[in-house]
N, C-alpha and C. Protein backbone atom coordinates (compact mmCIF):
# COMPACT_ATOMS: atom_id res chain seq x y z
N UNK A 1 0.81 -1.23 0.11
CA UNK A 1 0.04 -0.07 0.06
C UNK A 1 1.03 1.29 -0.02
N UNK A 2 0.42 2.43 -0.64
CA UNK A 2 1.23 3.48 -0.69
C UNK A 2 1.12 4.22 0.58
N UNK A 3 2.01 5.07 0.90
CA UNK A 3 2.02 5.79 2.24
C UNK A 3 1.60 7.23 1.84
N UNK A 4 0.81 7.77 2.77
CA UNK A 4 0.28 9.18 2.58
C UNK A 4 1.21 10.04 3.28
N UNK A 5 1.68 11.12 2.59
CA UNK A 5 2.57 12.23 3.29
C UNK A 5 1.82 13.10 4.01
N UNK A 6 1.49 12.85 5.28
CA UNK A 6 0.76 13.91 6.22
C UNK A 6 1.68 14.64 6.86
N UNK A 7 1.33 15.77 7.31
CA UNK A 7 2.35 16.46 8.44
C UNK A 7 2.45 15.74 9.73
N UNK A 8 3.75 15.61 10.13
CA UNK A 8 3.94 15.12 11.59
C UNK A 8 4.27 16.28 12.48
N UNK A 9 3.60 16.15 13.60
CA UNK A 9 4.11 17.26 14.56
C UNK A 9 5.43 17.10 15.20
N UNK A 10 6.09 18.25 15.39
CA UNK A 10 7.44 18.34 15.94
C UNK A 10 7.48 18.69 17.41
N UNK A 11 6.17 19.19 17.78
CA UNK A 11 6.07 19.72 19.11
C UNK A 11 4.50 19.50 19.68
N UNK A 12 4.27 19.35 20.77
CA UNK A 12 2.96 19.12 21.27
C UNK A 12 2.58 17.51 21.10
N UNK A 13 1.48 17.19 21.77
CA UNK A 13 1.17 15.64 21.74
C UNK A 13 0.30 15.34 20.58
N UNK A 14 0.29 14.07 20.42
CA UNK A 14 -0.73 13.55 19.28
C UNK A 14 -2.17 13.87 19.61
N UNK A 15 -2.49 13.73 20.90
CA UNK A 15 -3.88 14.09 21.37
C UNK A 15 -4.25 15.41 21.08
N UNK A 16 -3.24 16.42 21.47
CA UNK A 16 -3.51 17.84 21.32
C UNK A 16 -3.69 18.17 19.77
N UNK A 17 -2.92 17.60 18.95
CA UNK A 17 -3.02 17.84 17.46
C UNK A 17 -4.35 17.08 16.99
N UNK A 18 -4.77 15.91 17.32
CA UNK A 18 -5.98 15.44 16.95
C UNK A 18 -6.98 16.26 17.24
N UNK A 19 -7.05 16.83 18.56
CA UNK A 19 -8.15 17.92 18.97
C UNK A 19 -8.15 19.26 17.91
N UNK A 20 -6.97 19.57 17.65
CA UNK A 20 -6.74 20.79 16.71
C UNK A 20 -7.29 20.34 15.44
N UNK A 21 -6.99 19.27 14.97
CA UNK A 21 -7.58 18.70 13.68
C UNK A 21 -9.07 18.61 13.69
N UNK A 22 -9.65 18.08 14.72
CA UNK A 22 -10.99 17.96 14.72
C UNK A 22 -11.78 19.38 14.93
N UNK A 23 -11.21 20.26 15.65
CA UNK A 23 -11.93 21.59 15.63
C UNK A 23 -11.67 22.37 14.39
N UNK A 24 -10.55 22.26 13.89
CA UNK A 24 -10.41 22.85 12.39
C UNK A 24 -11.43 22.20 11.46
N UNK A 25 -11.47 20.81 11.36
CA UNK A 25 -12.57 20.23 10.54
C UNK A 25 -14.03 20.72 10.80
N UNK A 26 -14.35 20.91 12.08
CA UNK A 26 -15.64 21.44 12.43
C UNK A 26 -15.75 22.88 11.93
N UNK A 27 -14.69 23.68 12.07
CA UNK A 27 -14.82 25.11 11.58
C UNK A 27 -14.75 25.16 10.13
N UNK A 28 -14.19 24.28 9.48
CA UNK A 28 -14.35 24.26 8.00
C UNK A 28 -15.66 23.83 7.34
N UNK A 29 -16.30 22.94 8.26
CA UNK A 29 -17.68 22.46 7.81
C UNK A 29 -18.64 23.50 7.97
N UNK A 30 -18.33 24.59 8.72
CA UNK A 30 -19.48 25.67 8.76
C UNK A 30 -19.45 26.48 7.55
N UNK A 31 -18.26 26.27 6.62
CA UNK A 31 -18.36 26.98 5.30
C UNK A 31 -19.28 26.24 4.29
N UNK A 32 -19.71 25.00 4.64
CA UNK A 32 -20.44 24.28 3.75
C UNK A 32 -19.84 23.79 2.41
N UNK A 33 -18.43 23.40 2.57
CA UNK A 33 -17.68 23.30 1.24
C UNK A 33 -18.21 21.91 0.82
N UNK A 34 -18.79 21.95 -0.38
CA UNK A 34 -19.33 20.77 -0.86
C UNK A 34 -18.29 19.71 -1.35
N UNK A 35 -17.12 19.96 -1.46
CA UNK A 35 -16.09 19.11 -1.87
C UNK A 35 -15.39 18.52 -0.75
N UNK A 36 -15.60 17.41 -0.27
CA UNK A 36 -14.75 16.76 0.78
C UNK A 36 -13.25 16.63 0.67
N UNK A 37 -12.83 16.24 -0.62
CA UNK A 37 -11.45 16.27 -0.98
C UNK A 37 -10.67 17.66 -0.71
N UNK A 38 -11.42 18.66 -1.16
CA UNK A 38 -10.89 19.93 -1.14
C UNK A 38 -10.90 20.48 0.35
N UNK A 39 -11.89 20.12 1.03
CA UNK A 39 -11.93 20.31 2.53
C UNK A 39 -10.71 19.67 3.17
N UNK A 40 -10.52 18.48 2.96
CA UNK A 40 -9.38 17.69 3.50
C UNK A 40 -8.03 18.37 3.06
N UNK A 41 -7.99 18.79 1.87
CA UNK A 41 -6.72 19.36 1.31
C UNK A 41 -6.31 20.64 2.21
N UNK A 42 -7.56 21.48 2.28
CA UNK A 42 -7.40 22.70 3.01
C UNK A 42 -6.82 22.41 4.54
N UNK A 43 -7.66 21.45 5.25
CA UNK A 43 -7.12 21.16 6.63
C UNK A 43 -5.73 20.84 6.68
N UNK A 44 -5.31 19.89 5.72
CA UNK A 44 -3.92 19.47 5.64
C UNK A 44 -2.99 20.66 5.52
N UNK A 45 -3.32 21.48 4.74
CA UNK A 45 -2.22 22.55 4.52
C UNK A 45 -2.21 23.46 5.79
N UNK A 46 -3.59 23.64 6.30
CA UNK A 46 -3.57 24.51 7.53
C UNK A 46 -2.86 23.91 8.62
N UNK A 47 -3.01 22.52 8.74
CA UNK A 47 -2.33 21.80 10.02
C UNK A 47 -0.89 21.83 9.72
N UNK A 48 -0.38 21.88 8.53
CA UNK A 48 1.17 21.74 8.12
C UNK A 48 1.72 22.98 8.57
N UNK A 49 1.06 24.29 8.17
CA UNK A 49 1.61 25.48 8.63
C UNK A 49 1.40 25.70 10.19
N UNK A 50 0.30 25.29 10.76
CA UNK A 50 0.18 25.36 12.19
C UNK A 50 1.38 24.60 12.88
N UNK A 51 1.68 23.41 12.43
CA UNK A 51 2.78 22.63 13.08
C UNK A 51 4.04 23.33 12.99
N UNK A 52 4.26 23.91 11.70
CA UNK A 52 5.51 24.90 11.68
C UNK A 52 5.58 25.98 12.58
N UNK A 53 4.56 26.62 12.86
CA UNK A 53 4.43 27.64 13.69
C UNK A 53 4.53 27.30 15.13
N UNK A 54 3.92 26.18 15.39
CA UNK A 54 4.07 25.66 16.84
C UNK A 54 5.40 25.16 17.13
N UNK A 55 6.17 24.77 16.24
CA UNK A 55 7.48 24.35 16.49
C UNK A 55 8.37 25.47 16.88
N UNK A 56 8.13 26.70 16.42
CA UNK A 56 8.71 27.83 16.72
C UNK A 56 8.25 28.45 18.04
N UNK A 57 7.05 28.31 18.51
CA UNK A 57 6.58 28.84 19.81
C UNK A 57 5.49 27.81 20.41
N UNK A 58 6.23 26.83 20.90
CA UNK A 58 5.55 25.65 21.57
C UNK A 58 4.73 25.94 22.81
N UNK A 59 4.77 27.23 23.39
CA UNK A 59 4.27 27.43 24.62
C UNK A 59 2.70 27.47 24.38
N UNK A 60 2.29 27.81 23.07
CA UNK A 60 0.70 27.90 22.94
C UNK A 60 0.25 26.49 22.60
N UNK A 61 -1.05 26.36 22.76
CA UNK A 61 -1.69 25.02 22.72
C UNK A 61 -1.92 24.86 21.10
N UNK A 62 -1.75 23.68 20.61
CA UNK A 62 -1.74 23.52 19.08
C UNK A 62 -3.18 23.94 18.60
N UNK A 63 -4.25 23.85 19.39
CA UNK A 63 -5.70 24.29 18.78
C UNK A 63 -5.66 25.78 18.63
N UNK A 64 -4.93 26.37 19.63
CA UNK A 64 -4.85 27.92 19.37
C UNK A 64 -4.13 28.24 18.22
N UNK A 65 -2.95 27.64 18.07
CA UNK A 65 -2.07 27.89 16.84
C UNK A 65 -2.82 27.58 15.63
N UNK A 66 -3.61 26.46 15.59
CA UNK A 66 -4.22 26.23 14.35
C UNK A 66 -5.42 27.10 13.97
N UNK A 67 -5.99 27.53 15.09
CA UNK A 67 -7.05 28.54 14.82
C UNK A 67 -6.50 29.83 14.22
N UNK A 68 -5.48 30.33 15.01
CA UNK A 68 -4.92 31.59 14.47
C UNK A 68 -4.33 31.39 12.83
N UNK A 69 -3.78 30.28 12.70
CA UNK A 69 -3.18 29.98 11.32
C UNK A 69 -4.52 29.96 10.26
N UNK A 70 -5.54 29.29 10.57
CA UNK A 70 -6.62 29.11 9.66
C UNK A 70 -7.21 30.52 9.45
N UNK A 71 -7.40 31.27 10.50
CA UNK A 71 -8.04 32.53 10.38
C UNK A 71 -7.13 33.52 9.65
N UNK A 72 -5.82 33.33 9.89
CA UNK A 72 -4.90 34.31 9.05
C UNK A 72 -4.90 34.03 7.62
N UNK A 73 -4.86 32.68 7.37
CA UNK A 73 -4.94 32.45 5.99
C UNK A 73 -6.11 32.60 5.15
N UNK A 74 -7.19 32.53 5.90
CA UNK A 74 -8.44 32.92 5.31
C UNK A 74 -8.64 34.37 5.18
N UNK A 75 -8.07 35.10 5.95
CA UNK A 75 -8.24 36.62 5.98
C UNK A 75 -7.37 37.06 4.85
N UNK A 76 -6.16 36.44 4.61
CA UNK A 76 -5.23 36.81 3.51
C UNK A 76 -6.09 36.36 2.15
N UNK A 77 -6.83 35.32 2.17
CA UNK A 77 -7.51 34.94 0.92
C UNK A 77 -8.62 35.88 0.69
N UNK A 78 -9.36 36.36 1.68
CA UNK A 78 -10.37 37.45 1.67
C UNK A 78 -9.84 38.82 1.05
N UNK A 79 -8.61 39.24 1.53
CA UNK A 79 -7.99 40.51 1.11
C UNK A 79 -7.88 40.43 -0.39
N UNK A 80 -7.41 39.19 -1.03
CA UNK A 80 -7.23 39.09 -2.23
C UNK A 80 -8.63 39.16 -3.24
N UNK A 81 -9.63 38.90 -2.45
CA UNK A 81 -10.94 38.86 -3.18
C UNK A 81 -11.67 40.23 -2.95
N UNK A 82 -11.97 40.47 -1.82
CA UNK A 82 -12.64 41.61 -1.37
C UNK A 82 -11.95 42.79 -0.90
N UNK A 83 -10.66 42.85 -0.77
CA UNK A 83 -9.73 43.77 -0.46
C UNK A 83 -9.84 43.93 1.19
N UNK A 84 -8.84 44.79 1.61
CA UNK A 84 -8.69 45.07 3.00
C UNK A 84 -9.90 45.77 3.46
N UNK A 85 -10.39 45.67 4.65
CA UNK A 85 -11.60 46.23 5.19
C UNK A 85 -11.36 46.96 6.30
N UNK A 86 -10.40 47.79 6.43
CA UNK A 86 -10.14 48.66 7.52
C UNK A 86 -8.94 48.33 8.28
N UNK A 87 -8.60 49.12 9.29
CA UNK A 87 -7.42 48.73 10.11
C UNK A 87 -7.62 47.99 11.30
N UNK A 88 -8.93 47.74 11.76
CA UNK A 88 -9.14 46.87 12.97
C UNK A 88 -8.89 45.52 12.62
N UNK A 89 -8.24 44.71 13.48
CA UNK A 89 -7.79 43.50 13.35
C UNK A 89 -9.01 42.56 13.33
N UNK A 90 -9.24 41.67 12.26
CA UNK A 90 -10.36 40.84 12.21
C UNK A 90 -11.58 41.34 11.42
N UNK A 91 -11.33 42.70 10.90
CA UNK A 91 -12.50 43.29 10.33
C UNK A 91 -12.57 42.64 8.81
N UNK A 92 -11.41 42.40 8.22
CA UNK A 92 -11.55 41.71 6.87
C UNK A 92 -12.01 40.37 7.13
N UNK A 93 -11.57 39.68 8.05
CA UNK A 93 -12.09 38.31 8.35
C UNK A 93 -13.52 38.13 8.48
N UNK A 94 -14.04 38.93 9.41
CA UNK A 94 -15.57 39.05 9.63
C UNK A 94 -16.47 39.33 8.44
N UNK A 95 -15.91 40.48 7.60
CA UNK A 95 -16.65 40.86 6.41
C UNK A 95 -16.48 39.68 5.36
N UNK A 96 -15.34 39.08 5.28
CA UNK A 96 -15.27 38.14 4.16
C UNK A 96 -16.10 36.90 4.71
N UNK A 97 -16.05 36.57 5.93
CA UNK A 97 -16.77 35.31 6.28
C UNK A 97 -18.39 35.56 6.09
N UNK A 98 -18.75 36.77 6.24
CA UNK A 98 -20.15 37.25 5.90
C UNK A 98 -20.42 37.03 4.44
N UNK A 99 -19.43 37.67 3.61
CA UNK A 99 -19.64 37.49 2.23
C UNK A 99 -19.55 36.18 1.76
N UNK A 100 -18.73 35.29 2.35
CA UNK A 100 -18.76 33.80 1.94
C UNK A 100 -19.99 33.15 2.37
N UNK A 101 -20.66 33.45 3.45
CA UNK A 101 -21.91 32.74 3.63
C UNK A 101 -23.03 33.38 2.71
N UNK A 102 -23.04 34.71 2.54
CA UNK A 102 -24.17 35.28 1.77
C UNK A 102 -24.04 34.80 0.30
N UNK A 103 -22.99 34.59 -0.34
CA UNK A 103 -22.61 34.28 -1.66
C UNK A 103 -22.85 32.69 -1.87
N UNK A 104 -23.00 32.06 -0.88
CA UNK A 104 -22.92 30.44 -0.71
C UNK A 104 -21.90 29.94 -1.61
N UNK A 105 -20.55 30.47 -1.43
CA UNK A 105 -19.56 30.05 -2.16
C UNK A 105 -19.16 28.70 -1.76
N UNK A 106 -19.25 28.21 -0.72
CA UNK A 106 -18.73 26.70 -0.29
C UNK A 106 -19.65 25.74 -1.10
N UNK A 107 -20.81 26.11 -1.47
CA UNK A 107 -21.81 25.17 -2.27
C UNK A 107 -21.53 25.33 -3.92
N UNK A 108 -21.42 26.60 -4.16
CA UNK A 108 -21.34 26.95 -5.59
C UNK A 108 -20.04 26.79 -6.17
N UNK A 109 -18.81 27.22 -5.57
CA UNK A 109 -17.46 27.02 -6.01
C UNK A 109 -16.64 26.40 -4.79
N UNK A 110 -16.98 25.13 -4.53
CA UNK A 110 -16.33 24.54 -3.35
C UNK A 110 -14.75 24.36 -3.38
N UNK A 111 -14.28 24.05 -4.78
CA UNK A 111 -13.03 23.85 -5.15
C UNK A 111 -12.13 25.18 -4.96
N UNK A 112 -12.73 26.27 -4.96
CA UNK A 112 -12.06 27.49 -5.03
C UNK A 112 -11.79 28.11 -3.74
N UNK A 113 -12.52 27.79 -2.86
CA UNK A 113 -12.18 28.25 -1.27
C UNK A 113 -10.64 28.17 -1.04
N UNK A 114 -10.12 29.26 -0.59
CA UNK A 114 -8.86 29.22 -0.18
C UNK A 114 -7.66 28.95 -1.22
N UNK A 115 -8.00 29.08 -2.32
CA UNK A 115 -7.06 28.74 -3.39
C UNK A 115 -6.74 30.02 -4.27
N UNK A 116 -5.71 30.07 -4.91
CA UNK A 116 -5.32 31.49 -5.79
C UNK A 116 -6.28 31.30 -6.97
N UNK A 117 -6.63 30.42 -7.47
CA UNK A 117 -7.44 30.21 -8.70
C UNK A 117 -9.00 30.55 -8.38
N UNK A 118 -9.32 31.77 -8.39
CA UNK A 118 -10.58 32.18 -7.85
C UNK A 118 -11.48 32.63 -9.17
N UNK A 119 -12.27 31.95 -9.27
CA UNK A 119 -13.35 32.16 -10.52
C UNK A 119 -13.88 33.58 -10.57
N UNK A 120 -14.14 34.30 -11.59
CA UNK A 120 -14.38 35.62 -11.59
C UNK A 120 -15.88 35.85 -10.97
N UNK A 121 -16.72 34.75 -11.25
CA UNK A 121 -18.12 34.65 -10.71
C UNK A 121 -18.13 34.72 -9.26
N UNK A 122 -17.13 33.89 -8.53
CA UNK A 122 -16.92 33.94 -7.08
C UNK A 122 -16.59 35.34 -6.49
N UNK A 123 -15.61 35.74 -7.28
CA UNK A 123 -15.07 37.26 -6.82
C UNK A 123 -16.11 38.34 -6.81
N UNK A 124 -16.95 38.13 -7.92
CA UNK A 124 -18.07 39.09 -8.14
C UNK A 124 -19.11 38.93 -7.05
N UNK A 125 -19.54 37.69 -6.88
CA UNK A 125 -20.46 37.29 -5.82
C UNK A 125 -20.01 37.70 -4.36
N UNK A 126 -18.84 37.63 -4.01
CA UNK A 126 -18.50 37.94 -2.66
C UNK A 126 -18.19 39.40 -2.57
N UNK A 127 -17.94 40.24 -3.67
CA UNK A 127 -17.81 41.57 -3.70
C UNK A 127 -19.15 42.29 -3.46
N UNK A 128 -20.06 41.59 -4.07
CA UNK A 128 -21.42 42.09 -4.06
C UNK A 128 -22.05 41.77 -2.51
N UNK A 129 -21.52 40.78 -1.99
CA UNK A 129 -22.17 40.36 -0.74
C UNK A 129 -21.47 41.05 0.52
N UNK A 130 -20.18 41.69 0.22
CA UNK A 130 -19.46 42.29 1.38
C UNK A 130 -20.12 43.67 1.60
N UNK A 131 -19.95 43.86 2.95
CA UNK A 131 -20.37 45.09 3.43
C UNK A 131 -19.47 46.24 3.34
N UNK A 132 -20.01 47.47 3.01
CA UNK A 132 -19.22 48.67 2.95
C UNK A 132 -19.37 49.38 4.34
N UNK A 133 -18.25 49.39 4.92
CA UNK A 133 -18.04 49.93 6.24
C UNK A 133 -18.02 51.21 6.42
N UNK A 134 -18.45 52.07 7.20
CA UNK A 134 -18.82 53.51 7.45
C UNK A 134 -17.38 53.85 8.24
N UNK A 135 -17.50 55.14 8.63
CA UNK A 135 -16.19 55.53 9.24
C UNK A 135 -16.28 55.04 10.81
N UNK A 136 -15.12 55.08 11.40
CA UNK A 136 -14.91 54.55 12.65
C UNK A 136 -15.69 55.57 13.75
N UNK A 137 -16.10 54.97 14.71
CA UNK A 137 -16.95 55.78 15.61
C UNK A 137 -15.95 56.78 16.35
N UNK A 138 -16.28 57.89 16.44
CA UNK A 138 -15.47 59.06 17.19
C UNK A 138 -16.08 59.15 18.64
N UNK A 139 -15.35 59.12 19.67
CA UNK A 139 -15.70 59.43 21.01
C UNK A 139 -15.84 60.78 21.06
N UNK A 140 -17.01 61.24 21.58
CA UNK A 140 -17.27 62.82 21.81
C UNK A 140 -17.83 62.85 23.30
N UNK A 141 -17.87 64.18 23.66
CA UNK A 141 -18.42 64.55 25.05
C UNK A 141 -19.58 65.38 24.69
N UNK A 142 -20.81 64.90 25.41
CA UNK A 142 -22.16 65.61 25.39
C UNK A 142 -22.55 65.84 26.74
N UNK A 143 -22.86 67.20 26.92
CA UNK A 143 -23.33 67.56 28.27
C UNK A 143 -24.80 67.39 28.08
N UNK A 144 -25.56 66.97 29.18
CA UNK A 144 -26.97 66.75 29.34
C UNK A 144 -27.51 67.99 29.36
N UNK A 145 -28.60 68.29 28.50
CA UNK A 145 -29.37 69.57 28.70
C UNK A 145 -30.86 69.18 28.64
N UNK A 146 -31.72 69.95 29.05
CA UNK A 146 -33.16 69.82 29.13
C UNK A 146 -33.64 69.78 27.74
N UNK A 147 -34.58 69.09 27.20
CA UNK A 147 -35.07 69.23 25.90
C UNK A 147 -36.06 70.13 25.74
N UNK A 148 -35.79 71.09 24.74
CA UNK A 148 -36.74 72.03 24.30
C UNK A 148 -37.67 71.63 23.19
N UNK A 149 -38.90 71.40 23.48
CA UNK A 149 -39.97 71.01 22.55
C UNK A 149 -40.47 72.27 21.76
N UNK A 150 -40.26 73.46 22.24
CA UNK A 150 -40.75 74.57 21.44
C UNK A 150 -42.28 74.66 21.61
N UNK A 151 -42.92 75.14 20.54
CA UNK A 151 -44.38 75.26 20.70
C UNK A 151 -45.03 73.91 20.73
N UNK A 152 -44.49 72.94 20.46
CA UNK A 152 -45.16 71.69 20.63
C UNK A 152 -45.54 71.21 21.85
N UNK A 153 -44.73 71.54 22.80
CA UNK A 153 -44.98 71.11 24.13
C UNK A 153 -46.10 72.03 24.82
N UNK A 154 -46.25 73.22 24.55
CA UNK A 154 -47.41 73.99 25.09
C UNK A 154 -48.58 73.50 24.26
N UNK A 155 -48.66 73.06 23.11
CA UNK A 155 -49.87 72.59 22.35
C UNK A 155 -50.22 71.19 22.90
N UNK A 156 -49.33 70.47 23.10
CA UNK A 156 -49.65 69.06 23.88
C UNK A 156 -50.30 69.22 25.09
N UNK A 157 -49.62 69.96 25.84
CA UNK A 157 -50.11 70.33 27.22
C UNK A 157 -51.65 70.83 27.29
N UNK A 158 -51.86 71.73 26.22
CA UNK A 158 -53.40 72.24 26.23
C UNK A 158 -54.29 71.42 25.75
N UNK A 159 -53.88 70.45 24.70
CA UNK A 159 -54.65 69.41 24.23
C UNK A 159 -55.00 68.37 25.27
N UNK A 160 -53.90 68.07 26.14
CA UNK A 160 -54.21 67.08 27.13
C UNK A 160 -55.31 67.59 28.39
N UNK A 161 -54.98 68.91 28.52
CA UNK A 161 -55.99 69.29 29.61
C UNK A 161 -57.34 69.63 29.06
N UNK A 162 -57.63 69.66 27.83
CA UNK A 162 -58.92 69.92 27.36
C UNK A 162 -59.41 68.58 27.00
N UNK A 163 -58.85 67.60 27.17
CA UNK A 163 -59.30 66.17 26.81
C UNK A 163 -60.70 65.80 27.58
N UNK A 164 -61.48 65.20 26.75
CA UNK A 164 -62.87 64.91 27.51
C UNK A 164 -62.76 63.26 27.47
N UNK A 165 -63.15 62.84 28.67
CA UNK A 165 -63.01 61.35 28.82
C UNK A 165 -64.30 60.67 28.63
N UNK A 166 -65.39 61.38 28.65
CA UNK A 166 -66.74 60.75 28.39
C UNK A 166 -66.89 60.15 27.12
N UNK A 167 -66.49 60.83 26.00
CA UNK A 167 -66.80 59.98 24.73
C UNK A 167 -65.94 58.68 24.68
N UNK A 168 -64.78 58.79 25.16
CA UNK A 168 -63.80 57.67 25.25
C UNK A 168 -64.39 56.39 26.12
N UNK A 169 -64.95 56.76 27.15
CA UNK A 169 -65.58 55.73 28.06
C UNK A 169 -66.78 55.28 27.35
N UNK A 170 -67.55 56.15 26.68
CA UNK A 170 -68.79 55.37 25.97
C UNK A 170 -68.32 54.40 24.88
N UNK A 171 -67.31 54.82 24.09
CA UNK A 171 -66.88 53.90 23.07
C UNK A 171 -66.19 52.66 23.68
N UNK A 172 -65.58 52.80 24.65
CA UNK A 172 -65.01 51.51 25.37
C UNK A 172 -66.24 50.58 25.87
N UNK A 173 -67.23 51.24 26.44
CA UNK A 173 -68.39 50.50 26.95
C UNK A 173 -69.12 49.95 25.77
N UNK A 174 -69.34 50.53 24.68
CA UNK A 174 -69.97 50.18 23.57
C UNK A 174 -69.35 48.85 23.04
N UNK A 175 -68.04 48.90 22.81
CA UNK A 175 -67.29 47.81 22.15
C UNK A 175 -67.18 46.56 23.30
N UNK A 176 -67.25 46.89 24.57
CA UNK A 176 -67.22 45.85 25.45
C UNK A 176 -68.62 45.00 25.44
N UNK A 177 -69.71 45.80 25.19
CA UNK A 177 -71.03 45.24 25.31
C UNK A 177 -71.03 44.27 23.91
N UNK A 178 -70.59 44.91 22.81
CA UNK A 178 -70.55 44.12 21.64
C UNK A 178 -69.71 42.81 21.71
N UNK A 179 -68.60 42.87 22.30
CA UNK A 179 -67.72 41.84 22.56
C UNK A 179 -68.43 40.65 23.35
N UNK A 180 -68.99 40.93 24.44
CA UNK A 180 -69.73 40.12 25.32
C UNK A 180 -70.89 39.53 24.66
N UNK A 181 -71.66 40.40 23.92
CA UNK A 181 -72.79 39.83 23.18
C UNK A 181 -72.45 38.81 22.07
N UNK A 182 -71.24 39.01 21.35
CA UNK A 182 -70.78 38.13 20.42
C UNK A 182 -70.19 36.92 20.92
N UNK A 183 -69.70 37.09 22.10
CA UNK A 183 -69.22 35.73 22.74
C UNK A 183 -70.31 34.89 23.32
N UNK A 184 -71.44 35.44 23.73
CA UNK A 184 -72.53 34.79 24.25
C UNK A 184 -73.28 34.19 23.05
N UNK A 185 -73.37 34.93 21.86
CA UNK A 185 -74.10 34.30 20.81
C UNK A 185 -73.24 33.30 20.14
N UNK A 186 -71.84 33.15 20.07
CA UNK A 186 -71.33 32.28 19.41
C UNK A 186 -70.83 30.89 20.34
N UNK A 187 -71.18 31.07 21.56
CA UNK A 187 -71.01 29.85 22.35
C UNK A 187 -72.31 29.13 22.85
């Protein structure tokens, strides 16, 4: 039988890397990639890069390293498709994930997810689905003041004071009698 060349961890335990692999598989399943072989190929590539990075900094758990590598690689892929989405970390990733889900790219172009060979239709669908972000929130100082309603407040006060309750009570009584009569007749 032919041997398969899968990445071998140089740091961390086998159990830790199995957990990282399972979590990565679950994460990739959320993209609804219709091609199982392509999903396996993506998982293998991400795990290989995560193992290389973990060998450099073994103090982190392999699952953490794998998730960071997966998010980074996907964010770089999104930058190539929809462009950078601001200076905040993770903004491009979150906008790209939203565009990925809204365009149903995992179902329509499963073999293109995470590759450099992106069909123009996928690129167009994701660009249409991506959000255009507004300016960043600016923190300002506002001092509380009493609200001035102008002439509207005096008009509302006069109307409320001139309100007659007798016609409203008669209407409520009328509809209550109709409701009770209808209930008695129908039962």
